[in-house]
Amino acid sequence: MSRFEIHGLNRNRDDGTPLFRDVSFVIPANKPHVLCLRGPSGAGKSTLLKAISQMIPNDGGTVLLGGK
């Protein structure tokens, strides 16, 4: 399993309003992890997952899997 890293991920709504800013975390490769996203409807949970998987463009930040 490869190390998974998110550094300074940003995404804005179409009107320019920030949806999330500077999201950063690292999931090490040495043991299994479970990640849970919680929040109210419209908070950006699905958008964050789409941005991480690069299904939608990010407005800034880096997504790395195994350093790439």
N, C-alpha and C. Protein backbone atom coordinates (compact mmCIF):
# COMPACT_ATOMS: atom_id res chain seq x y z
N MET A 1 0.84 -1.19 0.00
CA MET A 1 0.00 0.00 0.00
C MET A 1 0.89 1.25 0.00
N SER A 2 0.50 2.26 -0.75
CA SER A 2 1.27 3.49 -0.86
C SER A 2 0.73 4.57 0.06
N ARG A 3 1.63 5.43 0.48
CA ARG A 3 1.26 6.58 1.31
C ARG A 3 0.36 7.51 0.49
N PHE A 4 -0.69 8.04 1.12
CA PHE A 4 -1.65 8.93 0.47
C PHE A 4 -1.56 10.29 1.14
N GLU A 5 -1.35 11.35 0.34
CA GLU A 5 -1.16 12.69 0.90
C GLU A 5 -2.03 13.72 0.19
N ILE A 6 -2.61 14.61 0.98
CA ILE A 6 -3.34 15.77 0.49
C ILE A 6 -2.68 16.99 1.11
N HIS A 7 -2.32 17.97 0.28
CA HIS A 7 -1.65 19.17 0.79
C HIS A 7 -2.34 20.42 0.26
N GLY A 8 -2.93 21.21 1.14
CA GLY A 8 -3.49 22.51 0.79
C GLY A 8 -4.58 22.49 -0.27
N LEU A 9 -5.45 21.49 -0.23
CA LEU A 9 -6.50 21.37 -1.24
C LEU A 9 -7.55 22.47 -1.06
N ASN A 10 -7.90 23.13 -2.16
CA ASN A 10 -8.88 24.22 -2.16
C ASN A 10 -9.93 23.97 -3.23
N ARG A 11 -11.14 24.39 -2.94
CA ARG A 11 -12.22 24.32 -3.94
C ARG A 11 -13.21 25.45 -3.65
N ASN A 12 -13.60 26.17 -4.72
CA ASN A 12 -14.57 27.25 -4.60
C ASN A 12 -15.85 26.87 -5.33
N ARG A 13 -16.96 27.44 -4.87
CA ARG A 13 -18.22 27.30 -5.60
C ARG A 13 -18.11 28.11 -6.90
N ASP A 14 -19.06 27.93 -7.80
CA ASP A 14 -19.04 28.64 -9.08
C ASP A 14 -19.04 30.16 -8.90
N ASP A 15 -19.64 30.65 -7.81
CA ASP A 15 -19.68 32.09 -7.57
C ASP A 15 -18.42 32.61 -6.87
N GLY A 16 -17.44 31.72 -6.63
CA GLY A 16 -16.18 32.12 -6.00
C GLY A 16 -16.13 31.94 -4.50
N THR A 17 -17.27 31.60 -3.89
CA THR A 17 -17.31 31.37 -2.45
C THR A 17 -16.51 30.11 -2.10
N PRO A 18 -15.57 30.21 -1.14
CA PRO A 18 -14.80 29.01 -0.77
C PRO A 18 -15.69 27.91 -0.20
N LEU A 19 -15.49 26.69 -0.69
CA LEU A 19 -16.20 25.54 -0.16
C LEU A 19 -15.34 24.86 0.90
N PHE A 20 -14.06 24.69 0.60
CA PHE A 20 -13.09 24.26 1.60
C PHE A 20 -11.73 24.85 1.23
N ARG A 21 -10.91 25.09 2.26
CA ARG A 21 -9.60 25.71 2.07
C ARG A 21 -8.53 24.95 2.83
N ASP A 22 -7.40 24.80 2.20
CA ASP A 22 -6.20 24.25 2.83
C ASP A 22 -6.43 22.93 3.55
N VAL A 23 -7.17 22.02 2.91
CA VAL A 23 -7.37 20.68 3.48
C VAL A 23 -6.07 19.90 3.30
N SER A 24 -5.51 19.42 4.41
CA SER A 24 -4.26 18.67 4.36
C SER A 24 -4.33 17.49 5.32
N PHE A 25 -3.88 16.33 4.86
CA PHE A 25 -3.73 15.17 5.73
C PHE A 25 -2.86 14.14 5.03
N VAL A 26 -2.31 13.23 5.82
CA VAL A 26 -1.47 12.14 5.31
C VAL A 26 -1.98 10.84 5.90
N ILE A 27 -2.15 9.84 5.05
CA ILE A 27 -2.50 8.49 5.51
C ILE A 27 -1.27 7.63 5.25
N PRO A 28 -0.57 7.21 6.33
CA PRO A 28 0.64 6.41 6.15
C PRO A 28 0.36 5.06 5.51
N ALA A 29 1.39 4.48 4.92
CA ALA A 29 1.24 3.20 4.21
C ALA A 29 1.46 2.00 5.11
N ASN A 30 1.90 2.20 6.35
CA ASN A 30 2.32 1.06 7.17
C ASN A 30 1.19 0.29 7.84
N LYS A 31 -0.03 0.82 7.86
CA LYS A 31 -1.15 0.08 8.43
C LYS A 31 -2.47 0.58 7.85
N PRO A 32 -3.51 -0.24 7.84
CA PRO A 32 -4.81 0.17 7.28
C PRO A 32 -5.43 1.32 8.08
N HIS A 33 -6.16 2.17 7.39
CA HIS A 33 -6.85 3.29 8.02
C HIS A 33 -8.28 3.38 7.48
N VAL A 34 -9.15 3.91 8.30
CA VAL A 34 -10.52 4.22 7.90
C VAL A 34 -10.71 5.71 8.09
N LEU A 35 -11.23 6.38 7.09
CA LEU A 35 -11.46 7.81 7.14
C LEU A 35 -12.95 8.07 7.03
N CYS A 36 -13.47 8.92 7.88
CA CYS A 36 -14.90 9.25 7.88
C CYS A 36 -15.06 10.75 7.67
N LEU A 37 -15.92 11.14 6.76
CA LEU A 37 -16.26 12.54 6.56
C LEU A 37 -17.67 12.77 7.07
N ARG A 38 -17.81 13.73 7.97
CA ARG A 38 -19.12 14.06 8.53
C ARG A 38 -19.39 15.54 8.35
N GLY A 39 -20.64 15.86 8.18
CA GLY A 39 -21.03 17.26 8.08
C GLY A 39 -22.45 17.38 7.58
N PRO A 40 -23.01 18.57 7.72
CA PRO A 40 -24.39 18.78 7.27
C PRO A 40 -24.50 18.75 5.75
N SER A 41 -25.71 18.62 5.28
CA SER A 41 -26.00 18.65 3.85
C SER A 41 -25.47 19.95 3.24
N GLY A 42 -24.77 19.84 2.13
CA GLY A 42 -24.25 21.02 1.45
C GLY A 42 -22.91 21.51 1.96
N ALA A 43 -22.30 20.78 2.90
CA ALA A 43 -21.03 21.22 3.49
C ALA A 43 -19.83 20.96 2.59
N GLY A 44 -19.97 20.09 1.58
CA GLY A 44 -18.88 19.84 0.65
C GLY A 44 -18.22 18.47 0.77
N LYS A 45 -18.86 17.54 1.46
CA LYS A 45 -18.28 16.19 1.64
C LYS A 45 -18.09 15.49 0.30
N SER A 46 -19.11 15.44 -0.51
CA SER A 46 -19.02 14.78 -1.82
C SER A 46 -18.07 15.53 -2.74
N THR A 47 -18.10 16.85 -2.68
CA THR A 47 -17.19 17.66 -3.49
C THR A 47 -15.74 17.40 -3.10
N LEU A 48 -15.47 17.26 -1.81
CA LEU A 48 -14.11 16.95 -1.35
C LEU A 48 -13.65 15.61 -1.92
N LEU A 49 -14.50 14.60 -1.85
CA LEU A 49 -14.13 13.28 -2.39
C LEU A 49 -13.92 13.34 -3.91
N LYS A 50 -14.74 14.11 -4.61
CA LYS A 50 -14.56 14.26 -6.05
C LYS A 50 -13.26 15.00 -6.37
N ALA A 51 -12.94 16.00 -5.56
CA ALA A 51 -11.69 16.75 -5.77
C ALA A 51 -10.48 15.88 -5.49
N ILE A 52 -10.55 15.06 -4.44
CA ILE A 52 -9.44 14.15 -4.12
C ILE A 52 -9.23 13.14 -5.24
N SER A 53 -10.32 12.61 -5.78
CA SER A 53 -10.21 11.60 -6.85
C SER A 53 -9.99 12.24 -8.23
N GLN A 54 -9.93 13.57 -8.27
CA GLN A 54 -9.71 14.35 -9.48
C GLN A 54 -10.81 14.18 -10.51
N MET A 55 -12.03 13.90 -10.03
CA MET A 55 -13.20 13.87 -10.91
C MET A 55 -13.63 15.28 -11.28
N ILE A 56 -13.26 16.26 -10.44
CA ILE A 56 -13.49 17.67 -10.71
C ILE A 56 -12.16 18.39 -10.48
N PRO A 57 -11.94 19.53 -11.15
CA PRO A 57 -10.68 20.24 -10.95
C PRO A 57 -10.61 20.89 -9.57
N ASN A 58 -9.41 20.95 -9.03
CA ASN A 58 -9.17 21.63 -7.76
C ASN A 58 -8.78 23.07 -8.04
N ASP A 59 -9.06 23.95 -7.10
CA ASP A 59 -8.66 25.34 -7.23
C ASP A 59 -7.30 25.59 -6.59
N GLY A 60 -6.65 24.55 -6.14
CA GLY A 60 -5.32 24.65 -5.55
C GLY A 60 -5.04 23.43 -4.71
N GLY A 61 -3.77 23.15 -4.49
CA GLY A 61 -3.38 22.03 -3.66
C GLY A 61 -2.85 20.86 -4.46
N THR A 62 -2.42 19.83 -3.72
CA THR A 62 -1.78 18.67 -4.32
C THR A 62 -2.35 17.39 -3.74
N VAL A 63 -2.59 16.41 -4.61
CA VAL A 63 -3.02 15.07 -4.20
C VAL A 63 -1.92 14.11 -4.65
N LEU A 64 -1.35 13.36 -3.70
CA LEU A 64 -0.25 12.44 -4.02
C LEU A 64 -0.56 11.04 -3.53
N LEU A 65 -0.26 10.06 -4.35
CA LEU A 65 -0.35 8.66 -3.97
C LEU A 65 1.02 8.05 -4.24
N GLY A 66 1.68 7.62 -3.19
CA GLY A 66 3.02 7.08 -3.35
C GLY A 66 4.04 8.11 -3.81
N GLY A 67 3.80 9.38 -3.46
CA GLY A 67 4.73 10.45 -3.82
C GLY A 67 4.58 11.00 -5.22
N LYS A 68 3.58 10.52 -5.98
CA LYS A 68 3.38 10.98 -7.37
C LYS A 68 2.10 11.77 -7.52
